[in-house]
All heavy atoms as atom14 arrays in JSON, in Angstrom:
{
  "sequence": "ADRVKGIAADFQQIYRAKGYEMGQLYPQIPDVLSALQSKWE",
  "atom14_mask": [
    [1, 1, 1, 1, 1, 0, 0, 0, 0, 0, 0, 0, 0, 0],
    [1, 1, 1, 1, 1, 1, 1, 1, 0, 0, 0, 0, 0, 0],
    [1, 1, 1, 1, 1, 1, 1, 1, 1, 1, 1, 0, 0, 0],
    [1, 1, 1, 1, 1, 1, 1, 0, 0, 0, 0, 0, 0, 0],
    [1, 1, 1, 1, 1, 1, 1, 1, 1, 0, 0, 0, 0, 0],
    [1, 1, 1, 1, 0, 0, 0, 0, 0, 0, 0, 0, 0, 0],
    [1, 1, 1, 1, 1, 1, 1, 1, 0, 0, 0, 0, 0, 0],
    [1, 1, 1, 1, 1, 0, 0, 0, 0, 0, 0, 0, 0, 0],
    [1, 1, 1, 1, 1, 0, 0, 0, 0, 0, 0, 0, 0, 0],
    [1, 1, 1, 1, 1, 1, 1, 1, 0, 0, 0, 0, 0, 0],
    [1, 1, 1, 1, 1, 1, 1, 1, 1, 1, 1, 0, 0, 0],
    [1, 1, 1, 1, 1, 1, 1, 1, 1, 0, 0, 0, 0, 0],
    [1, 1, 1, 1, 1, 1, 1, 1, 1, 0, 0, 0, 0, 0],
    [1, 1, 1, 1, 1, 1, 1, 1, 0, 0, 0, 0, 0, 0],
    [1, 1, 1, 1, 1, 1, 1, 1, 1, 1, 1, 1, 0, 0],
    [1, 1, 1, 1, 1, 1, 1, 1, 1, 1, 1, 0, 0, 0],
    [1, 1, 1, 1, 1, 0, 0, 0, 0, 0, 0, 0, 0, 0],
    [1, 1, 1, 1, 1, 1, 1, 1, 1, 0, 0, 0, 0, 0],
    [1, 1, 1, 1, 0, 0, 0, 0, 0, 0, 0, 0, 0, 0],
    [1, 1, 1, 1, 1, 1, 1, 1, 1, 1, 1, 1, 0, 0],
    [1, 1, 1, 1, 1, 1, 1, 1, 1, 0, 0, 0, 0, 0],
    [1, 1, 1, 1, 1, 1, 1, 1, 0, 0, 0, 0, 0, 0],
    [1, 1, 1, 1, 0, 0, 0, 0, 0, 0, 0, 0, 0, 0],
    [1, 1, 1, 1, 1, 1, 1, 1, 1, 0, 0, 0, 0, 0],
    [1, 1, 1, 1, 1, 1, 1, 1, 0, 0, 0, 0, 0, 0],
    [1, 1, 1, 1, 1, 1, 1, 1, 1, 1, 1, 1, 0, 0],
    [1, 1, 1, 1, 1, 1, 1, 0, 0, 0, 0, 0, 0, 0],
    [1, 1, 1, 1, 1, 1, 1, 1, 1, 0, 0, 0, 0, 0],
    [1, 1, 1, 1, 1, 1, 1, 1, 0, 0, 0, 0, 0, 0],
    [1, 1, 1, 1, 1, 1, 1, 0, 0, 0, 0, 0, 0, 0],
    [1, 1, 1, 1, 1, 1, 1, 1, 0, 0, 0, 0, 0, 0],
    [1, 1, 1, 1, 1, 1, 1, 0, 0, 0, 0, 0, 0, 0],
    [1, 1, 1, 1, 1, 1, 1, 1, 0, 0, 0, 0, 0, 0],
    [1, 1, 1, 1, 1, 1, 0, 0, 0, 0, 0, 0, 0, 0],
    [1, 1, 1, 1, 1, 0, 0, 0, 0, 0, 0, 0, 0, 0],
    [1, 1, 1, 1, 1, 1, 1, 1, 0, 0, 0, 0, 0, 0],
    [1, 1, 1, 1, 1, 1, 1, 1, 1, 0, 0, 0, 0, 0],
    [1, 1, 1, 1, 1, 1, 0, 0, 0, 0, 0, 0, 0, 0],
    [1, 1, 1, 1, 1, 1, 1, 1, 1, 0, 0, 0, 0, 0],
    [1, 1, 1, 1, 1, 1, 1, 1, 1, 1, 1, 1, 1, 1],
    [1, 1, 1, 1, 1, 1, 1, 1, 1, 0, 0, 0, 0, 0]
  ],
  "atom14_positions": [
    [[-15.09, 41.98, 18.2], [-15.72, 42.35, 16.94], [-15.93, 43.86, 16.83], [-15.75, 44.44, 15.74], [-17.06, 41.62, 16.79], [0.0, 0.0, 0.0], [0.0, 0.0, 0.0], [0.0, 0.0, 0.0], [0.0, 0.0, 0.0], [0.0, 0.0, 0.0], [0.0, 0.0, 0.0], [0.0, 0.0, 0.0], [0.0, 0.0, 0.0], [0.0, 0.0, 0.0]],
    [[-16.3, 44.51, 17.93], [-16.51, 45.96, 17.89], [-15.22, 46.7, 17.6], [-15.22, 47.72, 16.9], [-17.09, 46.45, 19.22], [-18.55, 46.07, 19.4], [-19.17, 45.64, 18.41], [-19.06, 46.2, 20.54], [0.0, 0.0, 0.0], [0.0, 0.0, 0.0], [0.0, 0.0, 0.0], [0.0, 0.0, 0.0], [0.0, 0.0, 0.0], [0.0, 0.0, 0.0]],
    [[-14.12, 46.16, 18.1], [-12.84, 46.79, 17.84], [-12.43, 46.61, 16.37], [-11.88, 47.52, 15.76], [-11.77, 46.19, 18.77], [-10.53, 47.05, 18.91], [-9.58, 46.46, 19.93], [-8.37, 47.26, 20.04], [-7.25, 46.85, 20.62], [-7.21, 45.62, 21.15], [-6.2, 47.63, 20.66], [0.0, 0.0, 0.0], [0.0, 0.0, 0.0], [0.0, 0.0, 0.0]],
    [[-12.73, 45.44, 15.84], [-12.47, 45.2, 14.41], [-13.24, 46.21, 13.57], [-12.7, 46.83, 12.64], [-12.88, 43.76, 14.02], [-12.87, 43.6, 12.49], [-11.94, 42.75, 14.67], [0.0, 0.0, 0.0], [0.0, 0.0, 0.0], [0.0, 0.0, 0.0], [0.0, 0.0, 0.0], [0.0, 0.0, 0.0], [0.0, 0.0, 0.0], [0.0, 0.0, 0.0]],
    [[-14.51, 46.4, 13.9], [-15.33, 47.34, 13.15], [-14.81, 48.77, 13.27], [-14.85, 49.54, 12.3], [-16.78, 47.27, 13.65], [-17.49, 45.98, 13.29], [-18.93, 45.99, 13.79], [-19.64, 44.69, 13.41], [-21.04, 44.66, 13.9], [0.0, 0.0, 0.0], [0.0, 0.0, 0.0], [0.0, 0.0, 0.0], [0.0, 0.0, 0.0], [0.0, 0.0, 0.0]],
    [[-14.3, 49.11, 14.44], [-13.76, 50.45, 14.64], [-12.52, 50.7, 13.81], [-12.37, 51.76, 13.19], [0.0, 0.0, 0.0], [0.0, 0.0, 0.0], [0.0, 0.0, 0.0], [0.0, 0.0, 0.0], [0.0, 0.0, 0.0], [0.0, 0.0, 0.0], [0.0, 0.0, 0.0], [0.0, 0.0, 0.0], [0.0, 0.0, 0.0], [0.0, 0.0, 0.0]],
    [[-11.63, 49.71, 13.77], [-10.42, 49.84, 12.96], [-10.79, 49.93, 11.48], [-10.25, 50.74, 10.73], [-9.47, 48.65, 13.2], [-8.99, 48.66, 14.65], [-8.28, 48.69, 12.24], [-8.24, 47.4, 15.05], [0.0, 0.0, 0.0], [0.0, 0.0, 0.0], [0.0, 0.0, 0.0], [0.0, 0.0, 0.0], [0.0, 0.0, 0.0], [0.0, 0.0, 0.0]],
    [[-11.73, 49.09, 11.06], [-12.16, 49.1, 9.66], [-12.78, 50.45, 9.29], [-12.54, 50.98, 8.2], [-13.16, 47.97, 9.41], [0.0, 0.0, 0.0], [0.0, 0.0, 0.0], [0.0, 0.0, 0.0], [0.0, 0.0, 0.0], [0.0, 0.0, 0.0], [0.0, 0.0, 0.0], [0.0, 0.0, 0.0], [0.0, 0.0, 0.0], [0.0, 0.0, 0.0]],
    [[-13.57, 51.02, 10.2], [-14.2, 52.31, 9.94], [-13.14, 53.41, 9.83], [-13.22, 54.28, 8.94], [-15.19, 52.64, 11.05], [0.0, 0.0, 0.0], [0.0, 0.0, 0.0], [0.0, 0.0, 0.0], [0.0, 0.0, 0.0], [0.0, 0.0, 0.0], [0.0, 0.0, 0.0], [0.0, 0.0, 0.0], [0.0, 0.0, 0.0], [0.0, 0.0, 0.0]],
    [[-12.14, 53.39, 10.71], [-11.06, 54.37, 10.63], [-10.28, 54.21, 9.33], [-9.92, 55.2, 8.68], [-10.11, 54.21, 11.82], [-10.73, 54.67, 13.14], [-11.69, 55.47, 13.09], [-10.25, 54.24, 14.2], [0.0, 0.0, 0.0], [0.0, 0.0, 0.0], [0.0, 0.0, 0.0], [0.0, 0.0, 0.0], [0.0, 0.0, 0.0], [0.0, 0.0, 0.0]],
    [[-10.0, 52.97, 8.98], [-9.29, 52.71, 7.72], [-10.06, 53.29, 6.55], [-9.49, 53.99, 5.69], [-9.1, 51.2, 7.54], [-8.71, 50.82, 6.13], [-7.4, 50.89, 5.73], [-9.69, 50.41, 5.22], [-7.05, 50.56, 4.42], [-9.35, 50.07, 3.93], [-8.02, 50.16, 3.52], [0.0, 0.0, 0.0], [0.0, 0.0, 0.0], [0.0, 0.0, 0.0]],
    [[-11.36, 53.0, 6.48], [-12.17, 53.47, 5.36], [-12.19, 54.99, 5.29], [-12.11, 55.58, 4.21], [-13.6, 52.93, 5.48], [-13.73, 51.42, 5.36], [-13.48, 50.91, 3.94], [-13.18, 51.68, 3.03], [-13.6, 49.61, 3.75], [0.0, 0.0, 0.0], [0.0, 0.0, 0.0], [0.0, 0.0, 0.0], [0.0, 0.0, 0.0], [0.0, 0.0, 0.0]],
    [[-12.28, 55.63, 6.43], [-12.33, 57.09, 6.46], [-11.03, 57.67, 5.91], [-11.05, 58.62, 5.11], [-12.57, 57.58, 7.89], [-12.68, 59.09, 8.0], [-12.96, 59.55, 9.42], [-12.73, 58.82, 10.37], [-13.49, 60.75, 9.56], [0.0, 0.0, 0.0], [0.0, 0.0, 0.0], [0.0, 0.0, 0.0], [0.0, 0.0, 0.0], [0.0, 0.0, 0.0]],
    [[-9.91, 57.12, 6.33], [-8.61, 57.62, 5.87], [-8.4, 57.3, 4.39], [-7.96, 58.16, 3.61], [-7.47, 56.98, 6.71], [-7.61, 57.4, 8.17], [-6.1, 57.39, 6.16], [-6.78, 56.55, 9.13], [0.0, 0.0, 0.0], [0.0, 0.0, 0.0], [0.0, 0.0, 0.0], [0.0, 0.0, 0.0], [0.0, 0.0, 0.0], [0.0, 0.0, 0.0]],
    [[-8.75, 56.07, 4.01], [-8.53, 55.67, 2.62], [-9.38, 56.48, 1.66], [-8.92, 56.91, 0.59], [-8.85, 54.18, 2.46], [-8.48, 53.64, 1.1], [-7.15, 53.35, 0.78], [-9.45, 53.44, 0.12], [-6.8, 52.87, -0.47], [-9.11, 52.96, -1.13], [-7.79, 52.69, -1.42], [-7.44, 52.22, -2.67], [0.0, 0.0, 0.0], [0.0, 0.0, 0.0]],
    [[-10.63, 56.71, 2.02], [-11.53, 57.45, 1.14], [-11.19, 58.93, 1.07], [-11.5, 59.58, 0.07], [-12.97, 57.24, 1.6], [-13.46, 55.82, 1.38], [-14.79, 55.55, 2.05], [-15.24, 54.17, 1.8], [-16.3, 53.63, 2.33], [-17.07, 54.34, 3.16], [-16.63, 52.37, 2.06], [0.0, 0.0, 0.0], [0.0, 0.0, 0.0], [0.0, 0.0, 0.0]],
    [[-10.54, 59.45, 2.11], [-10.16, 60.86, 2.11], [-8.86, 61.1, 1.34], [-8.71, 62.09, 0.63], [-10.01, 61.37, 3.55], [0.0, 0.0, 0.0], [0.0, 0.0, 0.0], [0.0, 0.0, 0.0], [0.0, 0.0, 0.0], [0.0, 0.0, 0.0], [0.0, 0.0, 0.0], [0.0, 0.0, 0.0], [0.0, 0.0, 0.0], [0.0, 0.0, 0.0]],
    [[-7.92, 60.17, 1.46], [-6.6, 60.41, 0.89], [-5.94, 59.16, 0.31], [-5.28, 59.23, -0.73], [-5.67, 61.0, 1.96], [-4.28, 61.34, 1.48], [-3.44, 61.98, 2.58], [-2.04, 62.31, 2.07], [-1.21, 62.94, 3.13], [0.0, 0.0, 0.0], [0.0, 0.0, 0.0], [0.0, 0.0, 0.0], [0.0, 0.0, 0.0], [0.0, 0.0, 0.0]],
    [[-6.12, 58.02, 0.98], [-5.36, 56.83, 0.62], [-5.54, 56.39, -0.82], [-4.58, 55.96, -1.47], [0.0, 0.0, 0.0], [0.0, 0.0, 0.0], [0.0, 0.0, 0.0], [0.0, 0.0, 0.0], [0.0, 0.0, 0.0], [0.0, 0.0, 0.0], [0.0, 0.0, 0.0], [0.0, 0.0, 0.0], [0.0, 0.0, 0.0], [0.0, 0.0, 0.0]],
    [[-6.78, 56.47, -1.33], [-7.03, 55.96, -2.69], [-6.22, 56.71, -3.74], [-5.89, 56.17, -4.8], [-8.52, 56.01, -3.01], [-9.04, 57.38, -3.39], [-9.17, 57.74, -4.73], [-9.39, 58.3, -2.42], [-9.65, 58.99, -5.08], [-9.87, 59.55, -2.76], [-10.01, 59.9, -4.08], [-10.47, 61.13, -4.43], [0.0, 0.0, 0.0], [0.0, 0.0, 0.0]],
    [[-5.88, 57.97, -3.45], [-5.11, 58.78, -4.4], [-3.65, 58.33, -4.49], [-2.94, 58.73, -5.42], [-5.16, 60.25, -4.0], [-6.56, 60.86, -4.03], [-6.57, 62.3, -3.6], [-5.55, 62.76, -3.03], [-7.58, 62.99, -3.84], [0.0, 0.0, 0.0], [0.0, 0.0, 0.0], [0.0, 0.0, 0.0], [0.0, 0.0, 0.0], [0.0, 0.0, 0.0]],
    [[-3.19, 57.53, -3.54], [-1.79, 57.1, -3.52], [-1.51, 55.91, -4.43], [-0.36, 55.52, -4.62], [-1.39, 56.73, -2.08], [-1.45, 57.89, -1.12], [-0.97, 57.37, 0.55], [-1.07, 58.93, 1.42], [0.0, 0.0, 0.0], [0.0, 0.0, 0.0], [0.0, 0.0, 0.0], [0.0, 0.0, 0.0], [0.0, 0.0, 0.0], [0.0, 0.0, 0.0]],
    [[-2.57, 55.34, -4.99], [-2.38, 54.22, -5.9], [-1.87, 54.68, -7.24], [-1.67, 55.87, -7.51], [0.0, 0.0, 0.0], [0.0, 0.0, 0.0], [0.0, 0.0, 0.0], [0.0, 0.0, 0.0], [0.0, 0.0, 0.0], [0.0, 0.0, 0.0], [0.0, 0.0, 0.0], [0.0, 0.0, 0.0], [0.0, 0.0, 0.0], [0.0, 0.0, 0.0]],
    [[-1.67, 53.71, -8.13], [-1.29, 54.03, -9.5], [-1.8, 52.94, -10.43], [-1.93, 51.78, -10.04], [0.23, 54.17, -9.62], [1.01, 52.94, -9.23], [2.51, 53.16, -9.31], [2.97, 54.17, -9.83], [3.28, 52.22, -8.79], [0.0, 0.0, 0.0], [0.0, 0.0, 0.0], [0.0, 0.0, 0.0], [0.0, 0.0, 0.0], [0.0, 0.0, 0.0]],
    [[-2.11, 53.33, -11.64], [-2.54, 52.36, -12.63], [-1.4, 51.42, -12.97], [-0.23, 51.84, -13.03], [-3.0, 53.07, -13.9], [-4.3, 53.87, -13.83], [-4.51, 54.61, -15.14], [-5.49, 52.97, -13.55], [0.0, 0.0, 0.0], [0.0, 0.0, 0.0], [0.0, 0.0, 0.0], [0.0, 0.0, 0.0], [0.0, 0.0, 0.0], [0.0, 0.0, 0.0]],
    [[-1.73, 50.17, -13.21], [-0.71, 49.27, -13.74], [-0.35, 49.7, -15.16], [-1.15, 50.37, -15.84], [-1.22, 47.82, -13.71], [-1.21, 47.22, -12.34], [-2.4, 47.02, -11.64], [-0.02, 46.86, -11.72], [-2.4, 46.47, -10.36], [-0.01, 46.32, -10.44], [-1.2, 46.13, -9.77], [-1.18, 45.61, -8.5], [0.0, 0.0, 0.0], [0.0, 0.0, 0.0]],
    [[0.83, 49.35, -15.63], [1.31, 49.83, -16.94], [0.34, 49.55, -18.08], [-0.2, 48.45, -18.2], [2.62, 49.06, -17.13], [3.1, 48.79, -15.74], [1.85, 48.53, -14.94], [0.0, 0.0, 0.0], [0.0, 0.0, 0.0], [0.0, 0.0, 0.0], [0.0, 0.0, 0.0], [0.0, 0.0, 0.0], [0.0, 0.0, 0.0], [0.0, 0.0, 0.0]],
    [[0.09, 50.61, -18.86], [-0.67, 50.54, -20.11], [-2.15, 50.18, -19.93], [-2.82, 49.84, -20.91], [-0.01, 49.56, -21.09], [1.41, 49.98, -21.47], [2.08, 49.02, -22.41], [2.38, 47.9, -22.03], [2.32, 49.44, -23.64], [0.0, 0.0, 0.0], [0.0, 0.0, 0.0], [0.0, 0.0, 0.0], [0.0, 0.0, 0.0], [0.0, 0.0, 0.0]],
    [[-2.68, 50.31, -18.73], [-4.09, 49.99, -18.5], [-5.02, 50.81, -19.4], [-5.93, 50.24, -20.03], [-4.46, 50.15, -17.01], [-3.94, 48.97, -16.19], [-5.98, 50.28, -16.83], [-4.59, 47.63, -16.51], [0.0, 0.0, 0.0], [0.0, 0.0, 0.0], [0.0, 0.0, 0.0], [0.0, 0.0, 0.0], [0.0, 0.0, 0.0], [0.0, 0.0, 0.0]],
    [[-4.88, 52.14, -19.51], [-5.8, 52.87, -20.41], [-5.74, 52.38, -21.85], [-6.79, 52.24, -22.5], [-5.31, 54.32, -20.29], [-4.67, 54.39, -18.94], [-3.98, 53.07, -18.78], [0.0, 0.0, 0.0], [0.0, 0.0, 0.0], [0.0, 0.0, 0.0], [0.0, 0.0, 0.0], [0.0, 0.0, 0.0], [0.0, 0.0, 0.0], [0.0, 0.0, 0.0]],
    [[-4.55, 52.1, -22.35], [-4.41, 51.6, -23.72], [-5.07, 50.23, -23.87], [-5.71, 49.94, -24.89], [-2.93, 51.51, -24.12], [-2.27, 52.87, -24.22], [-2.99, 53.87, -24.41], [-1.04, 52.94, -24.09], [0.0, 0.0, 0.0], [0.0, 0.0, 0.0], [0.0, 0.0, 0.0], [0.0, 0.0, 0.0], [0.0, 0.0, 0.0], [0.0, 0.0, 0.0]],
    [[-4.89, 49.37, -22.86], [-5.48, 48.04, -22.9], [-7.01, 48.13, -22.9], [-7.69, 47.47, -23.71], [-4.99, 47.19, -21.7], [-5.83, 45.92, -21.55], [-3.52, 46.84, -21.87], [0.0, 0.0, 0.0], [0.0, 0.0, 0.0], [0.0, 0.0, 0.0], [0.0, 0.0, 0.0], [0.0, 0.0, 0.0], [0.0, 0.0, 0.0], [0.0, 0.0, 0.0]],
    [[-7.58, 48.94, -22.03], [-9.03, 49.08, -21.95], [-9.6, 49.67, -23.23], [-10.64, 49.23, -23.73], [-9.41, 49.94, -20.75], [-9.04, 49.39, -19.37], [-9.41, 50.4, -18.29], [-9.71, 48.05, -19.1], [0.0, 0.0, 0.0], [0.0, 0.0, 0.0], [0.0, 0.0, 0.0], [0.0, 0.0, 0.0], [0.0, 0.0, 0.0], [0.0, 0.0, 0.0]],
    [[-8.91, 50.66, -23.77], [-9.35, 51.29, -25.01], [-9.39, 50.27, -26.15], [-10.36, 50.23, -26.93], [-8.42, 52.45, -25.37], [-8.81, 53.06, -26.58], [0.0, 0.0, 0.0], [0.0, 0.0, 0.0], [0.0, 0.0, 0.0], [0.0, 0.0, 0.0], [0.0, 0.0, 0.0], [0.0, 0.0, 0.0], [0.0, 0.0, 0.0], [0.0, 0.0, 0.0]],
    [[-8.36, 49.44, -26.25], [-8.32, 48.43, -27.3], [-9.4, 47.37, -27.11], [-10.05, 46.94, -28.07], [-6.94, 47.78, -27.34], [0.0, 0.0, 0.0], [0.0, 0.0, 0.0], [0.0, 0.0, 0.0], [0.0, 0.0, 0.0], [0.0, 0.0, 0.0], [0.0, 0.0, 0.0], [0.0, 0.0, 0.0], [0.0, 0.0, 0.0], [0.0, 0.0, 0.0]],
    [[-9.63, 46.97, -25.87], [-10.62, 45.93, -25.59], [-12.04, 46.38, -25.94], [-12.88, 45.57, -26.32], [-10.56, 45.51, -24.12], [-9.39, 44.64, -23.7], [-9.41, 44.41, -22.19], [-9.42, 43.29, -24.43], [0.0, 0.0, 0.0], [0.0, 0.0, 0.0], [0.0, 0.0, 0.0], [0.0, 0.0, 0.0], [0.0, 0.0, 0.0], [0.0, 0.0, 0.0]],
    [[-12.3, 47.67, -25.81], [-13.65, 48.17, -26.06], [-14.15, 47.88, -27.47], [-15.35, 47.85, -27.7], [-13.69, 49.68, -25.83], [-13.88, 50.08, -24.38], [-14.14, 51.56, -24.26], [-13.49, 52.39, -24.89], [-15.12, 51.92, -23.44], [0.0, 0.0, 0.0], [0.0, 0.0, 0.0], [0.0, 0.0, 0.0], [0.0, 0.0, 0.0], [0.0, 0.0, 0.0]],
    [[-13.23, 47.66, -28.4], [-13.65, 47.4, -29.77], [-14.28, 46.02, -29.92], [-14.97, 45.75, -30.91], [-12.44, 47.5, -30.72], [-11.5, 46.46, -30.47], [0.0, 0.0, 0.0], [0.0, 0.0, 0.0], [0.0, 0.0, 0.0], [0.0, 0.0, 0.0], [0.0, 0.0, 0.0], [0.0, 0.0, 0.0], [0.0, 0.0, 0.0], [0.0, 0.0, 0.0]],
    [[-14.07, 45.14, -28.94], [-14.55, 43.77, -29.06], [-15.31, 43.28, -27.83], [-16.07, 42.31, -27.91], [-13.36, 42.84, -29.32], [-13.73, 41.43, -29.75], [-12.53, 40.64, -30.25], [-12.94, 39.27, -30.72], [-11.8, 38.51, -31.28], [0.0, 0.0, 0.0], [0.0, 0.0, 0.0], [0.0, 0.0, 0.0], [0.0, 0.0, 0.0], [0.0, 0.0, 0.0]],
    [[-15.12, 43.94, -26.69], [-15.69, 43.47, -25.42], [-16.44, 44.6, -24.72], [-16.03, 45.76, -24.78], [-14.58, 42.98, -24.48], [-13.84, 41.78, -24.99], [-12.88, 41.74, -25.96], [-14.03, 40.43, -24.55], [-12.44, 40.46, -26.15], [-13.13, 39.62, -25.3], [-14.84, 39.82, -23.6], [-13.03, 38.25, -25.12], [-14.75, 38.45, -23.41], [-13.86, 37.68, -24.18]],
    [[-17.53, 44.24, -24.04], [-18.15, 45.16, -23.09], [-17.46, 44.97, -21.75], [-17.32, 43.83, -21.28], [-19.65, 44.88, -22.95], [-20.47, 45.38, -24.11], [-21.96, 45.3, -23.84], [-22.36, 44.79, -22.78], [-22.72, 45.76, -24.71], [0.0, 0.0, 0.0], [0.0, 0.0, 0.0], [0.0, 0.0, 0.0], [0.0, 0.0, 0.0], [0.0, 0.0, 0.0]]
  ]
}
């Protein structure tokens, strides 16, 4: 369990520093959210 926690901690550190920036929005997400705001919270 301690080793699992260590790997998870290393993963989080790397992901929060750089990894999250490597993602990308799915197609047309901003347009979809903008349109939904007129009817949904």
